[in-house]
Amino acid sequence: MTPRATPCGYQWLPLEWSSCQVRLHGFHGEVTIIHPTCGNGLQYRNLTCVRAV
């Protein structure tokens, strides 16, 4: 299966994940739910995916 990049260049594996619980680095390790899209105008870097939701 070929990795697919989102419009903003981030890759989400596996591709079946529509959203992902991530730990935002630099924000006191708080956990939040984000969606792999740029539609909200937000871009994240250095994401560590904890688990699919």
N, C-alpha and C. Protein backbone atom coordinates (compact mmCIF):
# COMPACT_ATOMS: atom_id res chain seq x y z
N MET A 1 0.85 -1.19 0.00
CA MET A 1 0.00 0.00 0.00
C MET A 1 0.88 1.25 0.00
N THR A 2 0.67 2.12 -0.93
CA THR A 2 1.50 3.31 -1.06
C THR A 2 1.03 4.40 -0.09
N PRO A 3 1.95 4.96 0.69
CA PRO A 3 1.59 6.04 1.62
C PRO A 3 0.99 7.21 0.87
N ARG A 4 -0.04 7.79 1.44
CA ARG A 4 -0.71 8.91 0.80
C ARG A 4 -0.54 10.16 1.66
N ALA A 5 -0.12 11.23 1.06
CA ALA A 5 0.08 12.47 1.80
C ALA A 5 -1.21 13.30 1.76
N THR A 6 -1.50 13.97 2.84
CA THR A 6 -2.64 14.86 2.88
C THR A 6 -2.29 16.14 2.13
N PRO A 7 -3.27 16.97 1.82
CA PRO A 7 -3.00 18.21 1.09
C PRO A 7 -1.94 19.07 1.77
N CYS A 8 -1.77 18.93 3.07
CA CYS A 8 -0.78 19.75 3.76
C CYS A 8 0.53 18.98 3.93
N GLY A 9 0.60 17.78 3.37
CA GLY A 9 1.87 17.08 3.34
C GLY A 9 2.09 16.08 4.46
N TYR A 10 1.14 15.97 5.38
CA TYR A 10 1.32 15.01 6.46
C TYR A 10 0.82 13.64 6.06
N GLN A 11 1.50 12.61 6.49
CA GLN A 11 1.07 11.25 6.18
C GLN A 11 0.42 10.62 7.40
N TRP A 12 -0.69 9.94 7.17
CA TRP A 12 -1.39 9.28 8.26
C TRP A 12 -1.46 7.79 7.97
N LEU A 13 -0.80 7.01 8.80
CA LEU A 13 -0.81 5.56 8.63
C LEU A 13 -1.33 4.90 9.88
N PRO A 14 -2.17 3.88 9.76
CA PRO A 14 -2.74 3.43 8.49
C PRO A 14 -3.75 4.42 7.93
N LEU A 15 -4.01 4.32 6.65
CA LEU A 15 -4.88 5.28 5.98
C LEU A 15 -6.32 5.19 6.45
N GLU A 16 -6.67 4.07 7.11
CA GLU A 16 -8.05 3.90 7.54
C GLU A 16 -8.41 4.84 8.67
N TRP A 17 -7.41 5.40 9.34
CA TRP A 17 -7.70 6.27 10.47
C TRP A 17 -8.31 7.58 9.97
N SER A 18 -9.48 7.90 10.47
CA SER A 18 -10.13 9.14 10.09
C SER A 18 -9.80 10.23 11.11
N SER A 19 -9.43 9.79 12.32
CA SER A 19 -9.00 10.74 13.34
C SER A 19 -8.00 10.03 14.24
N CYS A 20 -7.27 10.79 14.98
CA CYS A 20 -6.22 10.19 15.77
C CYS A 20 -6.03 10.94 17.08
N GLN A 21 -5.84 10.18 18.15
CA GLN A 21 -5.56 10.81 19.44
C GLN A 21 -4.06 11.03 19.51
N VAL A 22 -3.64 12.27 19.64
CA VAL A 22 -2.22 12.57 19.60
C VAL A 22 -1.77 13.34 20.83
N ARG A 23 -0.47 13.25 21.06
CA ARG A 23 0.10 14.01 22.16
C ARG A 23 0.86 15.18 21.54
N LEU A 24 0.41 16.39 21.83
CA LEU A 24 1.02 17.57 21.22
C LEU A 24 2.29 17.94 21.98
N HIS A 25 3.40 17.84 21.29
CA HIS A 25 4.68 18.18 21.91
C HIS A 25 4.76 19.68 22.16
N GLY A 26 5.25 20.06 23.33
CA GLY A 26 5.39 21.46 23.63
C GLY A 26 4.15 22.06 24.28
N PHE A 27 3.12 21.23 24.45
CA PHE A 27 1.90 21.71 25.09
C PHE A 27 1.63 20.91 26.36
N HIS A 28 2.67 20.71 27.15
CA HIS A 28 2.56 20.02 28.43
C HIS A 28 2.06 18.60 28.28
N GLY A 29 2.22 18.04 27.08
CA GLY A 29 1.84 16.66 26.85
C GLY A 29 0.35 16.42 26.89
N GLU A 30 -0.43 17.45 26.69
CA GLU A 30 -1.88 17.27 26.70
C GLU A 30 -2.31 16.45 25.49
N VAL A 31 -3.38 15.69 25.67
CA VAL A 31 -3.86 14.83 24.61
C VAL A 31 -5.14 15.42 24.04
N THR A 32 -5.23 15.41 22.73
CA THR A 32 -6.42 15.95 22.09
C THR A 32 -6.76 15.11 20.87
N ILE A 33 -7.97 15.25 20.38
CA ILE A 33 -8.39 14.52 19.19
C ILE A 33 -8.35 15.46 18.00
N ILE A 34 -7.59 15.07 16.98
CA ILE A 34 -7.54 15.88 15.77
C ILE A 34 -7.89 15.02 14.57
N HIS A 35 -8.24 15.67 13.49
CA HIS A 35 -8.56 14.96 12.26
C HIS A 35 -7.47 15.23 11.24
N PRO A 36 -7.09 14.22 10.46
CA PRO A 36 -6.03 14.38 9.46
C PRO A 36 -6.49 15.21 8.27
N THR A 37 -6.66 16.50 8.50
CA THR A 37 -7.11 17.38 7.43
C THR A 37 -6.59 18.78 7.67
N CYS A 38 -6.56 19.58 6.62
CA CYS A 38 -6.12 20.96 6.75
C CYS A 38 -7.32 21.88 6.66
N GLY A 39 -8.50 21.32 6.63
CA GLY A 39 -9.69 22.12 6.48
C GLY A 39 -9.90 23.10 7.62
N ASN A 40 -9.34 22.76 8.80
CA ASN A 40 -9.53 23.64 9.93
C ASN A 40 -8.47 24.73 9.97
N GLY A 41 -7.55 24.71 9.00
CA GLY A 41 -6.53 25.74 8.92
C GLY A 41 -5.40 25.56 9.91
N LEU A 42 -5.41 24.44 10.65
CA LEU A 42 -4.35 24.19 11.62
C LEU A 42 -3.36 23.18 11.08
N GLN A 43 -2.09 23.40 11.36
CA GLN A 43 -1.07 22.46 10.94
C GLN A 43 -0.27 22.04 12.16
N TYR A 44 -0.06 20.74 12.30
CA TYR A 44 0.68 20.23 13.44
C TYR A 44 1.99 19.61 12.98
N ARG A 45 3.02 19.75 13.80
CA ARG A 45 4.30 19.12 13.49
C ARG A 45 4.72 18.27 14.67
N ASN A 46 5.54 17.26 14.39
CA ASN A 46 6.08 16.40 15.44
C ASN A 46 4.97 15.72 16.24
N LEU A 47 3.99 15.20 15.51
CA LEU A 47 2.90 14.51 16.17
C LEU A 47 3.29 13.09 16.53
N THR A 48 2.87 12.67 17.70
CA THR A 48 3.04 11.28 18.09
C THR A 48 1.65 10.68 18.23
N CYS A 49 1.31 9.78 17.34
CA CYS A 49 -0.02 9.18 17.38
C CYS A 49 -0.08 8.15 18.49
N VAL A 50 -1.03 8.33 19.39
CA VAL A 50 -1.18 7.41 20.51
C VAL A 50 -2.04 6.23 20.11
N ARG A 51 -3.21 6.51 19.58
CA ARG A 51 -4.09 5.44 19.15
C ARG A 51 -5.16 6.01 18.23
N ALA A 52 -5.73 5.15 17.41
CA ALA A 52 -6.80 5.58 16.53
C ALA A 52 -8.08 5.69 17.33
N VAL A 53 -8.96 6.58 16.94
CA VAL A 53 -10.22 6.76 17.63
C VAL A 53 -11.38 6.68 16.63
